[in-house]
Amino acid sequence: MLAYESKQDSEKRETIPSPETAAARCIYIVARKRIHADPAAKGGRIIPDSWVMTSICPEYIPKTCQPLFTGMDRLTARWQPLAPTHCQLALLDLDTLQPLIEQAEALSFLTTLLSPAETELFRRFRYAKRRLEWLGGRLAAKHCLHGLLNEDVSGRHLYATYSILPDTHGRPRLAIPLTEYPTASISISHSRGYAAALVHQRGDCGIDIQQKTPKLAAVQERFTSDEELRLLHPITDTLTRLGLLWTAKEAVKKCLLADHPSFFGIIKLAEAKYEPIERIWTVHCRLTHPAALSATVRIAELDEHLIACASGEPHA
């Protein structure tokens, strides 16, 4: 049964997006029963009490999806110090997302957070692993954008208004640049168990997350040199040392060399410093081609993973 808005209820009124479609322009009255009032109709609909809105997501979230977003909020808050200046970072637990993709109601909600173009792209994926990693990366990137705009811009921005599509090099780009930050850039990465995203307000950025596996040792000749390994000699664990080099160079590649297929040989580690209080490595890399550039990368350990964040200006 619906109730008319009382004077007391009117004081609690706020405009909230529809959980079914982020593009809807309906007005919701926040009252004891969270009554939905459609200005174009006499009828209405009760928003389930199990649906809540969090600071991380401007849409109402079904109960089944709440752990995904609260978990992303906790991970993001824990690792935000890793992000370079003017950047927002987000981490999402793929193990929490995986069962939601297999539930029709949860998946229906999650796809409302995508733009029409993103939804079309998502539906083309046939492999479960690809669907999981792609959706996790997009949700993490949208959280970055939401956090970035909430800091400096008034008003509510819905997840579906951010349409993140691949450019000609496969790099994620906003289909429509942000009015507030027209040169903002996005980087996305995923490794077993996690998806990560980084957004820079006004320059290029790169993020990489990599699980420490024996495969790194099997291919270390491709991305390491004896000089670089000597710089990391204080790190006693071999896989950590190799993972740090791999993620640093991958992050720099995404930041400055997105259009270069071969990059390990032109990125050289020049300096590495460990910050024991923050438990973060800061490494400086030099690029020998196509121009003499340098980049600073911040790297940290998360469980059996390494996360690297780089920021800088694109090459000429």
C-alpha atoms as a PDB file:
ATOM      1  CA  MET A   1       0.000   0.000   0.000  1.00  0.00           C
ATOM      2  CA  LEU A   2       1.304   3.449  -0.925  1.00  0.00           C
ATOM      3  CA  ALA A   3       1.089   6.507   1.264  1.00  0.00           C
ATOM      4  CA  TYR A   4       0.985  10.160   0.302  1.00  0.00           C
ATOM      5  CA  GLU A   5       3.940  12.313   1.258  1.00  0.00           C
ATOM      6  CA  SER A   6       3.461  14.108   4.538  1.00  0.00           C
ATOM      7  CA  LYS A   7       5.178  17.302   5.578  1.00  0.00           C
ATOM      8  CA  GLN A   8       7.521  15.252   7.738  1.00  0.00           C
ATOM      9  CA  ASP A   9       8.282  12.926   4.835  1.00  0.00           C
ATOM     10  CA  SER A  10       8.987  15.841   2.520  1.00  0.00           C
ATOM     11  CA  GLU A  11      11.862  16.848   4.743  1.00  0.00           C
ATOM     12  CA  LYS A  12      13.425  13.452   4.102  1.00  0.00           C
ATOM     13  CA  ARG A  13      13.012  13.609   0.334  1.00  0.00           C
ATOM     14  CA  GLU A  14      16.022  13.210  -1.938  1.00  0.00           C
ATOM     15  CA  THR A  15      16.545  12.380  -5.585  1.00  0.00           C
ATOM     16  CA  ILE A  16      17.855   8.845  -6.008  1.00  0.00           C
ATOM     17  CA  PRO A  17      18.451   6.882  -9.236  1.00  0.00           C
ATOM     18  CA  SER A  18      16.393   3.860 -10.132  1.00  0.00           C
ATOM     19  CA  PRO A  19      18.005   0.489  -9.373  1.00  0.00           C
ATOM     20  CA  GLU A  20      16.720  -0.893 -12.672  1.00  0.00           C
ATOM     21  CA  THR A  21      18.181   1.746 -14.975  1.00  0.00           C
ATOM     22  CA  ALA A  22      20.759   4.365 -14.168  1.00  0.00           C
ATOM     23  CA  ALA A  23      19.317   6.608 -16.865  1.00  0.00           C
ATOM     24  CA  ALA A  24      15.891   6.835 -15.212  1.00  0.00           C
ATOM     25  CA  ARG A  25      14.740  10.233 -13.991  1.00  0.00           C
ATOM     26  CA  CYS A  26      12.227   9.126 -11.386  1.00  0.00           C
ATOM     27  CA  ILE A  27      12.088  10.720  -7.958  1.00  0.00           C
ATOM     28  CA  TYR A  28      12.178   8.558  -4.893  1.00  0.00           C
ATOM     29  CA  ILE A  29      10.831   9.581  -1.504  1.00  0.00           C
ATOM     30  CA  VAL A  30      12.974   8.290   1.305  1.00  0.00           C
ATOM     31  CA  ALA A  31      10.406   7.389   3.971  1.00  0.00           C
ATOM     32  CA  ARG A  32       9.872   4.510   6.337  1.00  0.00           C
ATOM     33  CA  LYS A  33       9.053   2.118   3.473  1.00  0.00           C
ATOM     34  CA  ARG A  34      11.252   3.801   0.813  1.00  0.00           C
ATOM     35  CA  ILE A  35       8.219   4.532  -1.373  1.00  0.00           C
ATOM     36  CA  HIS A  36       8.777   5.031  -5.078  1.00  0.00           C
ATOM     37  CA  ALA A  37       6.681   7.858  -6.508  1.00  0.00           C
ATOM     38  CA  ASP A  38       6.451   8.044 -10.283  1.00  0.00           C
ATOM     39  CA  PRO A  39       5.458  11.597 -11.329  1.00  0.00           C
ATOM     40  CA  ALA A  40       3.949  10.234 -14.539  1.00  0.00           C
ATOM     41  CA  ALA A  41       1.664   7.673 -12.925  1.00  0.00           C
ATOM     42  CA  LYS A  42      -0.655   7.235  -9.977  1.00  0.00           C
ATOM     43  CA  GLY A  43       0.823   3.895  -9.082  1.00  0.00           C
ATOM     44  CA  GLY A  44       4.110   3.208  -7.405  1.00  0.00           C
ATOM     45  CA  ARG A  45       6.536   0.538  -6.258  1.00  0.00           C
ATOM     46  CA  ILE A  46       8.136  -0.281  -2.934  1.00  0.00           C
ATOM     47  CA  ILE A  47      11.933  -0.462  -2.999  1.00  0.00           C
ATOM     48  CA  PRO A  48      12.882  -3.612  -1.045  1.00  0.00           C
ATOM     49  CA  ASP A  49      14.301  -2.898   2.401  1.00  0.00           C
ATOM     50  CA  SER A  50      17.219  -5.173   1.510  1.00  0.00           C
ATOM     51  CA  TRP A  51      18.354  -2.624  -1.088  1.00  0.00           C
ATOM     52  CA  VAL A  52      20.652   0.068   0.259  1.00  0.00           C
ATOM     53  CA  MET A  53      22.770   2.842  -1.179  1.00  0.00           C
ATOM     54  CA  THR A  54      26.429   3.142  -0.178  1.00  0.00           C
ATOM     55  CA  SER A  55      29.036   5.841  -0.593  1.00  0.00           C
ATOM     56  CA  ILE A  56      30.820   3.690  -3.143  1.00  0.00           C
ATOM     57  CA  CYS A  57      27.868   3.311  -5.516  1.00  0.00           C
ATOM     58  CA  PRO A  58      25.179   5.939  -6.181  1.00  0.00           C
ATOM     59  CA  GLU A  59      22.587   3.303  -7.137  1.00  0.00           C
ATOM     60  CA  TYR A  60      20.563   1.180  -4.741  1.00  0.00           C
ATOM     61  CA  ILE A  61      22.339  -2.147  -4.214  1.00  0.00           C
ATOM     62  CA  PRO A  62      20.521  -5.475  -3.688  1.00  0.00           C
ATOM     63  CA  LYS A  63      21.452  -7.402  -0.568  1.00  0.00           C
ATOM     64  CA  THR A  64      23.188 -10.111  -2.589  1.00  0.00           C
ATOM     65  CA  CYS A  65      25.561  -7.520  -4.113  1.00  0.00           C
ATOM     66  CA  GLN A  66      26.291  -5.523  -0.975  1.00  0.00           C
ATOM     67  CA  PRO A  67      29.366  -7.563   0.094  1.00  0.00           C
ATOM     68  CA  LEU A  68      30.946  -6.883  -3.312  1.00  0.00           C
ATOM     69  CA  PHE A  69      30.739  -3.114  -2.913  1.00  0.00           C
ATOM     70  CA  THR A  70      31.545  -2.933   0.797  1.00  0.00           C
ATOM     71  CA  GLY A  71      34.531  -5.193   0.147  1.00  0.00           C
ATOM     72  CA  MET A  72      35.683  -2.942  -2.693  1.00  0.00           C
ATOM     73  CA  ASP A  73      35.296   0.045  -0.385  1.00  0.00           C
ATOM     74  CA  ARG A  74      37.539  -1.561   2.247  1.00  0.00           C
ATOM     75  CA  LEU A  75      40.205  -2.662  -0.233  1.00  0.00           C
ATOM     76  CA  THR A  76      40.217   0.743  -1.896  1.00  0.00           C
ATOM     77  CA  ALA A  77      40.572   2.616   1.384  1.00  0.00           C
ATOM     78  CA  ARG A  78      43.417   0.312   2.441  1.00  0.00           C
ATOM     79  CA  TRP A  79      45.430   0.765  -0.763  1.00  0.00           C
ATOM     80  CA  GLN A  80      44.604   4.334  -1.794  1.00  0.00           C
ATOM     81  CA  PRO A  81      47.986   5.552  -0.372  1.00  0.00           C
ATOM     82  CA  LEU A  82      49.611   3.568  -3.190  1.00  0.00           C
ATOM     83  CA  ALA A  83      48.033   5.818  -5.824  1.00  0.00           C
ATOM     84  CA  PRO A  84      50.162   8.649  -7.278  1.00  0.00           C
ATOM     85  CA  THR A  85      49.163  12.286  -6.811  1.00  0.00           C
ATOM     86  CA  HIS A  86      45.901  13.277  -8.562  1.00  0.00           C
ATOM     87  CA  CYS A  87      44.940   9.608  -8.946  1.00  0.00           C
ATOM     88  CA  GLN A  88      42.152   7.402  -7.629  1.00  0.00           C
ATOM     89  CA  LEU A  89      42.711   3.676  -7.127  1.00  0.00           C
ATOM     90  CA  ALA A  90      40.192   0.852  -6.661  1.00  0.00           C
ATOM     91  CA  LEU A  91      40.486  -2.877  -5.999  1.00  0.00           C
ATOM     92  CA  LEU A  92      37.742  -5.477  -6.402  1.00  0.00           C
ATOM     93  CA  ASP A  93      37.678  -9.065  -5.139  1.00  0.00           C
ATOM     94  CA  LEU A  94      36.872 -11.282  -8.130  1.00  0.00           C
ATOM     95  CA  ASP A  95      36.085 -14.239  -5.877  1.00  0.00           C
ATOM     96  CA  THR A  96      33.170 -12.224  -4.471  1.00  0.00           C
ATOM     97  CA  LEU A  97      31.997 -11.166  -7.931  1.00  0.00           C
ATOM     98  CA  GLN A  98      32.118 -14.633  -9.514  1.00  0.00           C
ATOM     99  CA  PRO A  99      29.013 -16.172  -7.875  1.00  0.00           C
ATOM    100  CA  LEU A 100      27.027 -12.990  -8.552  1.00  0.00           C
ATOM    101  CA  ILE A 101      27.527 -13.332 -12.313  1.00  0.00           C
ATOM    102  CA  GLU A 102      25.875 -16.752 -12.066  1.00  0.00           C
ATOM    103  CA  GLN A 103      22.766 -15.342 -10.305  1.00  0.00           C
ATOM    104  CA  ALA A 104      20.192 -13.809 -12.628  1.00  0.00           C
ATOM    105  CA  GLU A 105      18.981 -11.102 -10.212  1.00  0.00           C
ATOM    106  CA  ALA A 106      22.477 -10.013  -9.216  1.00  0.00           C
ATOM    107  CA  LEU A 107      23.738 -10.000 -12.798  1.00  0.00           C
ATOM    108  CA  SER A 108      20.688  -8.010 -13.882  1.00  0.00           C
ATOM    109  CA  PHE A 109      21.571  -5.330 -11.340  1.00  0.00           C
ATOM    110  CA  LEU A 110      25.278  -5.302 -12.182  1.00  0.00           C
ATOM    111  CA  THR A 111      24.599  -4.803 -15.890  1.00  0.00           C
ATOM    112  CA  THR A 112      22.483  -1.717 -15.089  1.00  0.00           C
ATOM    113  CA  LEU A 113      25.763  -0.143 -13.956  1.00  0.00           C
ATOM    114  CA  LEU A 114      27.102  -0.434 -17.513  1.00  0.00           C
ATOM    115  CA  SER A 115      26.425   1.918 -20.398  1.00  0.00           C
ATOM    116  CA  PRO A 116      24.509   0.489 -23.405  1.00  0.00           C
ATOM    117  CA  ALA A 117      27.772   0.159 -25.357  1.00  0.00           C
ATOM    118  CA  GLU A 118      29.481  -1.596 -22.448  1.00  0.00           C
ATOM    119  CA  THR A 119      26.513  -3.937 -22.017  1.00  0.00           C
ATOM    120  CA  GLU A 120      26.659  -4.893 -25.690  1.00  0.00           C
ATOM    121  CA  LEU A 121      30.384  -5.605 -25.412  1.00  0.00           C
ATOM    122  CA  PHE A 122      29.944  -7.630 -22.204  1.00  0.00           C
ATOM    123  CA  ARG A 123      27.300  -9.831 -23.823  1.00  0.00           C
ATOM    124  CA  ARG A 124      29.705 -10.783 -26.611  1.00  0.00           C
ATOM    125  CA  PHE A 125      32.092 -12.517 -24.214  1.00  0.00           C
ATOM    126  CA  ARG A 126      31.630 -16.284 -24.165  1.00  0.00           C
ATOM    127  CA  TYR A 127      34.325 -17.377 -21.710  1.00  0.00           C
ATOM    128  CA  ALA A 128      33.461 -17.124 -18.018  1.00  0.00           C
ATOM    129  CA  LYS A 129      36.947 -15.966 -17.033  1.00  0.00           C
ATOM    130  CA  ARG A 130      36.865 -13.123 -19.563  1.00  0.00           C
ATOM    131  CA  ARG A 131      33.393 -12.014 -18.427  1.00  0.00           C
ATOM    132  CA  LEU A 132      34.480 -12.032 -14.791  1.00  0.00           C
ATOM    133  CA  GLU A 133      37.704 -10.072 -15.276  1.00  0.00           C
ATOM    134  CA  TRP A 134      36.180  -7.572 -17.703  1.00  0.00           C
ATOM    135  CA  LEU A 135      33.190  -6.779 -15.484  1.00  0.00           C
ATOM    136  CA  GLY A 136      35.363  -6.575 -12.368  1.00  0.00           C
ATOM    137  CA  GLY A 137      37.728  -4.150 -14.071  1.00  0.00           C
ATOM    138  CA  ARG A 138      34.880  -1.949 -15.302  1.00  0.00           C
ATOM    139  CA  LEU A 139      33.252  -1.781 -11.866  1.00  0.00           C
ATOM    140  CA  ALA A 140      36.588  -0.876 -10.255  1.00  0.00           C
ATOM    141  CA  ALA A 141      37.188   1.855 -12.860  1.00  0.00           C
ATOM    142  CA  LYS A 142      33.708   3.297 -12.341  1.00  0.00           C
ATOM    143  CA  HIS A 143      34.359   3.394  -8.606  1.00  0.00           C
ATOM    144  CA  CYS A 144      37.520   5.396  -9.297  1.00  0.00           C
ATOM    145  CA  LEU A 145      35.587   7.877 -11.441  1.00  0.00           C
ATOM    146  CA  HIS A 146      32.811   8.142  -8.863  1.00  0.00           C
ATOM    147  CA  GLY A 147      35.339   8.851  -6.120  1.00  0.00           C
ATOM    148  CA  LEU A 148      37.190  11.371  -8.277  1.00  0.00           C
ATOM    149  CA  LEU A 149      34.072  13.389  -9.074  1.00  0.00           C
ATOM    150  CA  ASN A 150      32.639  13.166  -5.570  1.00  0.00           C
ATOM    151  CA  GLU A 151      35.732  14.895  -4.219  1.00  0.00           C
ATOM    152  CA  ASP A 152      35.459  17.994  -6.396  1.00  0.00           C
ATOM    153  CA  VAL A 153      32.080  18.075  -8.118  1.00  0.00           C
ATOM    154  CA  SER A 154      28.623  18.461  -6.611  1.00  0.00           C
ATOM    155  CA  GLY A 155      25.731  16.332  -7.799  1.00  0.00           C
ATOM    156  CA  ARG A 156      25.168  12.634  -8.335  1.00  0.00           C
ATOM    157  CA  HIS A 157      26.955  10.769 -11.132  1.00  0.00           C
ATOM    158  CA  LEU A 158      25.627   7.313 -11.982  1.00  0.00           C
ATOM    159  CA  TYR A 159      27.869   4.404 -12.885  1.00  0.00           C
ATOM    160  CA  ALA A 160      26.186   3.938 -16.262  1.00  0.00           C
ATOM    161  CA  THR A 161      27.048   7.500 -17.293  1.00  0.00           C
ATOM    162  CA  TYR A 162      30.705   6.443 -17.453  1.00  0.00           C
ATOM    163  CA  SER A 163      31.124   4.502 -20.693  1.00  0.00           C
ATOM    164  CA  ILE A 164      34.591   2.919 -20.746  1.00  0.00           C
ATOM    165  CA  LEU A 165      35.461   1.382 -24.105  1.00  0.00           C
ATOM    166  CA  PRO A 166      38.747   0.141 -25.656  1.00  0.00           C
ATOM    167  CA  ASP A 167      40.628   2.437 -28.005  1.00  0.00           C
ATOM    168  CA  THR A 168      42.530   1.262 -31.094  1.00  0.00           C
ATOM    169  CA  HIS A 169      45.319  -0.112 -28.863  1.00  0.00           C
ATOM    170  CA  GLY A 170      42.910  -1.842 -26.473  1.00  0.00           C
ATOM    171  CA  ARG A 171      43.461   0.727 -23.748  1.00  0.00           C
ATOM    172  CA  PRO A 172      40.330   1.681 -21.756  1.00  0.00           C
ATOM    173  CA  ARG A 173      39.076   5.162 -22.593  1.00  0.00           C
ATOM    174  CA  LEU A 174      36.014   7.193 -21.698  1.00  0.00           C
ATOM    175  CA  ALA A 175      33.726   7.325 -24.725  1.00  0.00           C
ATOM    176  CA  ILE A 176      32.654  10.794 -23.619  1.00  0.00           C
ATOM    177  CA  PRO A 177      35.375  12.726 -21.714  1.00  0.00           C
ATOM    178  CA  LEU A 178      34.464  14.121 -18.320  1.00  0.00           C
ATOM    179  CA  THR A 179      33.440  17.767 -18.428  1.00  0.00           C
ATOM    180  CA  GLU A 180      35.276  18.353 -15.170  1.00  0.00           C
ATOM    181  CA  TYR A 181      38.437  16.458 -16.210  1.00  0.00           C
ATOM    182  CA  PRO A 182      38.575  16.274 -20.026  1.00  0.00           C
ATOM    183  CA  THR A 183      42.078  14.735 -20.054  1.00  0.00           C
ATOM    184  CA  ALA A 184      41.418  12.106 -17.369  1.00  0.00           C
ATOM    185  CA  SER A 185      42.850   8.671 -18.164  1.00  0.00           C
ATOM    186  CA  ILE A 186      42.011   5.146 -17.013  1.00  0.00           C
ATOM    187  CA  SER A 187      44.076   2.003 -16.535  1.00  0.00           C
ATOM    188  CA  ILE A 188      42.722  -1.451 -15.640  1.00  0.00           C
ATOM    189  CA  SER A 189      44.441  -4.678 -14.635  1.00  0.00           C
ATOM    190  CA  HIS A 190      43.482  -8.064 -13.229  1.00  0.00           C
ATOM    191  CA  SER A 191      45.219 -11.111 -11.876  1.00  0.00           C
ATOM    192  CA  ARG A 192      43.881 -14.233 -10.229  1.00  0.00           C
ATOM    193  CA  GLY A 193      41.450 -13.083  -7.535  1.00  0.00           C
ATOM    194  CA  TYR A 194      41.578  -9.307  -8.067  1.00  0.00           C
ATOM    195  CA  ALA A 195      40.683  -6.557 -10.515  1.00  0.00           C
ATOM    196  CA  ALA A 196      42.350  -3.157 -10.133  1.00  0.00           C
ATOM    197  CA  ALA A 197      41.806   0.253 -11.694  1.00  0.00           C
ATOM    198  CA  LEU A 198      43.537   3.626 -11.611  1.00  0.00           C
ATOM    199  CA  VAL A 199      42.243   7.004 -12.820  1.00  0.00           C
ATOM    200  CA  HIS A 200      44.385  10.123 -13.273  1.00  0.00           C
ATOM    201  CA  GLN A 201      42.692  13.528 -13.261  1.00  0.00           C
ATOM    202  CA  ARG A 202      44.778  15.160 -15.966  1.00  0.00           C
ATOM    203  CA  GLY A 203      47.547  12.885 -17.243  1.00  0.00           C
ATOM    204  CA  ASP A 204      48.299   9.319 -18.264  1.00  0.00           C
ATOM    205  CA  CYS A 205      48.499   6.510 -15.750  1.00  0.00           C
ATOM    206  CA  GLY A 206      49.159   2.790 -15.607  1.00  0.00           C
ATOM    207  CA  ILE A 207      48.319   0.055 -13.135  1.00  0.00           C
ATOM    208  CA  ASP A 208      49.342  -3.588 -13.033  1.00  0.00           C
ATOM    209  CA  ILE A 209      48.523  -6.357 -10.590  1.00  0.00           C
ATOM    210  CA  GLN A 210      50.370  -9.642 -10.827  1.00  0.00           C
ATOM    211  CA  GLN A 211      50.244 -12.827  -8.814  1.00  0.00           C
ATOM    212  CA  LYS A 212      53.650 -14.141  -7.795  1.00  0.00           C
ATOM    213  CA  THR A 213      53.882 -17.449  -9.640  1.00  0.00           C
ATOM    214  CA  PRO A 214      56.789 -19.658 -10.828  1.00  0.00           C
ATOM    215  CA  LYS A 215      55.993 -18.534 -14.393  1.00  0.00           C
ATOM    216  CA  LEU A 216      57.844 -15.284 -13.627  1.00  0.00           C
ATOM    217  CA  ALA A 217      61.060 -17.216 -13.070  1.00  0.00           C
ATOM    218  CA  ALA A 218      60.536 -19.178 -16.276  1.00  0.00           C
ATOM    219  CA  VAL A 219      60.481 -15.996 -18.403  1.00  0.00           C
ATOM    220  CA  GLN A 220      62.712 -13.690 -16.360  1.00  0.00           C
ATOM    221  CA  GLU A 221      65.232 -13.312 -19.203  1.00  0.00           C
ATOM    222  CA  ARG A 222      62.556 -11.417 -21.140  1.00  0.00           C
ATOM    223  CA  PHE A 223      62.175  -8.574 -18.645  1.00  0.00           C
ATOM    224  CA  THR A 224      65.161  -8.480 -16.267  1.00  0.00           C
ATOM    225  CA  SER A 225      68.855  -7.704 -16.358  1.00  0.00           C
ATOM    226  CA  ASP A 226      71.624  -8.554 -13.889  1.00  0.00           C
ATOM    227  CA  GLU A 227      71.967  -4.854 -13.027  1.00  0.00           C
ATOM    228  CA  GLU A 228      68.277  -4.515 -12.207  1.00  0.00           C
ATOM    229  CA  LEU A 229      68.312  -7.635 -10.050  1.00  0.00           C
ATOM    230  CA  ARG A 230      71.302  -6.286  -8.127  1.00  0.00           C
ATOM    231  CA  LEU A 231      69.334  -3.111  -7.327  1.00  0.00           C
ATOM    232  CA  LEU A 232      66.694  -5.323  -5.732  1.00  0.00           C
ATOM    233  CA  HIS A 233      69.181  -7.531  -3.884  1.00  0.00           C
ATOM    234  CA  PRO A 234      67.770  -6.601  -0.411  1.00  0.00           C
ATOM    235  CA  ILE A 235      64.577  -8.428  -1.406  1.00  0.00           C
ATOM    236  CA  THR A 236      65.399 -12.006  -0.499  1.00  0.00           C
ATOM    237  CA  ASP A 237      62.373 -13.699  -2.068  1.00  0.00           C
ATOM    238  CA  THR A 238      63.042 -14.361  -5.755  1.00  0.00           C
ATOM    239  CA  LEU A 239      59.412 -14.244  -6.901  1.00  0.00           C
ATOM    240  CA  THR A 240      58.827 -10.952  -5.087  1.00  0.00           C
ATOM    241  CA  ARG A 241      61.889  -9.459  -6.788  1.00  0.00           C
ATOM    242  CA  LEU A 242      60.765 -10.662 -10.216  1.00  0.00           C
ATOM    243  CA  GLY A 243      57.169  -9.632  -9.609  1.00  0.00           C
ATOM    244  CA  LEU A 244      58.248  -6.136  -8.631  1.00  0.00           C
ATOM    245  CA  LEU A 245      60.180  -5.739 -11.873  1.00  0.00           C
ATOM    246  CA  TRP A 246      57.363  -7.162 -13.975  1.00  0.00           C
ATOM    247  CA  THR A 247      54.606  -4.999 -12.483  1.00  0.00           C
ATOM    248  CA  ALA A 248      56.752  -1.846 -12.569  1.00  0.00           C
ATOM    249  CA  LYS A 249      57.486  -2.237 -16.277  1.00  0.00           C
ATOM    250  CA  GLU A 250      53.906  -3.220 -17.128  1.00  0.00           C
ATOM    251  CA  ALA A 251      52.574  -0.137 -15.318  1.00  0.00           C
ATOM    252  CA  VAL A 252      55.043   2.137 -17.135  1.00  0.00           C
ATOM    253  CA  LYS A 253      54.149   0.527 -20.444  1.00  0.00           C
ATOM    254  CA  LYS A 254      50.430   1.165 -19.903  1.00  0.00           C
ATOM    255  CA  CYS A 255      51.166   4.722 -18.817  1.00  0.00           C
ATOM    256  CA  LEU A 256      53.588   5.871 -21.503  1.00  0.00           C
ATOM    257  CA  LEU A 257      53.914   3.198 -24.196  1.00  0.00           C
ATOM    258  CA  ALA A 258      50.401   1.922 -24.874  1.00  0.00           C
ATOM    259  CA  ASP A 259      51.060   1.885 -28.627  1.00  0.00           C
ATOM    260  CA  HIS A 260      54.345  -0.064 -28.415  1.00  0.00           C
ATOM    261  CA  PRO A 261      54.020  -3.870 -28.595  1.00  0.00           C
ATOM    262  CA  SER A 262      57.603  -4.485 -27.438  1.00  0.00           C
ATOM    263  CA  PHE A 263      58.642  -2.554 -24.366  1.00  0.00           C
ATOM    264  CA  PHE A 264      60.588  -4.605 -21.794  1.00  0.00           C
ATOM    265  CA  GLY A 265      63.902  -3.807 -23.431  1.00  0.00           C
ATOM    266  CA  ILE A 266      63.410  -0.039 -23.433  1.00  0.00           C
ATOM    267  CA  ILE A 267      62.297   0.289 -19.792  1.00  0.00           C
ATOM    268  CA  LYS A 268      65.164   0.071 -17.329  1.00  0.00           C
ATOM    269  CA  LEU A 269      64.955   0.125 -13.538  1.00  0.00           C
ATOM    270  CA  ALA A 270      67.302   2.852 -12.307  1.00  0.00           C
ATOM    271  CA  GLU A 271      66.568   3.123  -8.584  1.00  0.00           C
ATOM    272  CA  ALA A 272      64.476   1.398  -5.919  1.00  0.00           C
ATOM    273  CA  LYS A 273      63.590   2.512  -2.409  1.00  0.00           C
ATOM    274  CA  TYR A 274      61.479   0.803   0.266  1.00  0.00           C
ATOM    275  CA  GLU A 275      59.253   2.792   2.630  1.00  0.00           C
ATOM    276  CA  PRO A 276      58.884   0.535   5.706  1.00  0.00           C
ATOM    277  CA  ILE A 277      56.067   2.489   7.361  1.00  0.00           C
ATOM    278  CA  GLU A 278      53.803   2.374   4.299  1.00  0.00           C
ATOM    279  CA  ARG A 279      55.294  -0.922   3.072  1.00  0.00           C
ATOM    280  CA  ILE A 280      55.598   0.546  -0.398  1.00  0.00           C
ATOM    281  CA  TRP A 281      58.453   0.405  -2.896  1.00  0.00           C
ATOM    282  CA  THR A 282      59.129   3.494  -4.974  1.00  0.00           C
ATOM    283  CA  VAL A 283      61.094   2.718  -8.118  1.00  0.00           C
ATOM    284  CA  HIS A 284      62.350   4.988 -10.893  1.00  0.00           C
ATOM    285  CA  CYS A 285      62.427   3.711 -14.450  1.00  0.00           C
ATOM    286  CA  ARG A 286      64.141   5.184 -17.486  1.00  0.00           C
ATOM    287  CA  LEU A 287      62.935   4.850 -21.046  1.00  0.00           C
ATOM    288  CA  THR A 288      65.512   4.759 -23.824  1.00  0.00           C
ATOM    289  CA  HIS A 289      63.076   4.871 -26.745  1.00  0.00           C
ATOM    290  CA  PRO A 290      61.188   6.562 -28.389  1.00  0.00           C
ATOM    291  CA  ALA A 291      62.355   9.464 -26.218  1.00  0.00           C
ATOM    292  CA  ALA A 292      64.454   9.902 -23.094  1.00  0.00           C
ATOM    293  CA  LEU A 293      61.759   9.769 -20.416  1.00  0.00           C
ATOM    294  CA  SER A 294      61.520   8.630 -16.824  1.00  0.00           C
ATOM    295  CA  ALA A 295      58.676   7.371 -14.691  1.00  0.00           C
ATOM    296  CA  THR A 296      58.096   6.808 -10.994  1.00  0.00           C
ATOM    297  CA  VAL A 297      56.204   3.701  -9.898  1.00  0.00           C
ATOM    298  CA  ARG A 298      54.801   2.834  -6.465  1.00  0.00           C
ATOM    299  CA  ILE A 299      54.484  -0.872  -5.685  1.00  0.00           C
ATOM    300  CA  ALA A 300      53.037  -2.853  -2.779  1.00  0.00           C
ATOM    301  CA  GLU A 301      52.277  -6.461  -1.850  1.00  0.00           C
ATOM    302  CA  LEU A 302      48.702  -7.713  -1.450  1.00  0.00           C
ATOM    303  CA  ASP A 303      48.562 -11.334  -0.346  1.00  0.00           C
ATOM    304  CA  GLU A 304      50.394 -13.230  -3.112  1.00  0.00           C
ATOM    305  CA  HIS A 305      50.126 -10.300  -5.514  1.00  0.00           C
ATOM    306  CA  LEU A 306      52.085  -7.163  -6.341  1.00  0.00           C
ATOM    307  CA  ILE A 307      50.334  -3.949  -7.383  1.00  0.00           C
ATOM    308  CA  ALA A 308      52.156  -1.185  -9.281  1.00  0.00           C
ATOM    309  CA  CYS A 309      50.886   2.318 -10.059  1.00  0.00           C
ATOM    310  CA  ALA A 310      52.592   4.722 -12.459  1.00  0.00           C
ATOM    311  CA  SER A 311      51.723   8.212 -13.659  1.00  0.00           C
ATOM    312  CA  GLY A 312      53.302  10.554 -16.152  1.00  0.00           C
ATOM    313  CA  GLU A 313      53.020  12.430 -19.427  1.00  0.00           C
ATOM    314  CA  PRO A 314      52.684  10.703 -22.813  1.00  0.00           C
ATOM    315  CA  HIS A 315      55.690  10.529 -25.084  1.00  0.00           C
ATOM    316  CA  ALA A 316      55.967  12.750 -28.157  1.00  0.00           C
END
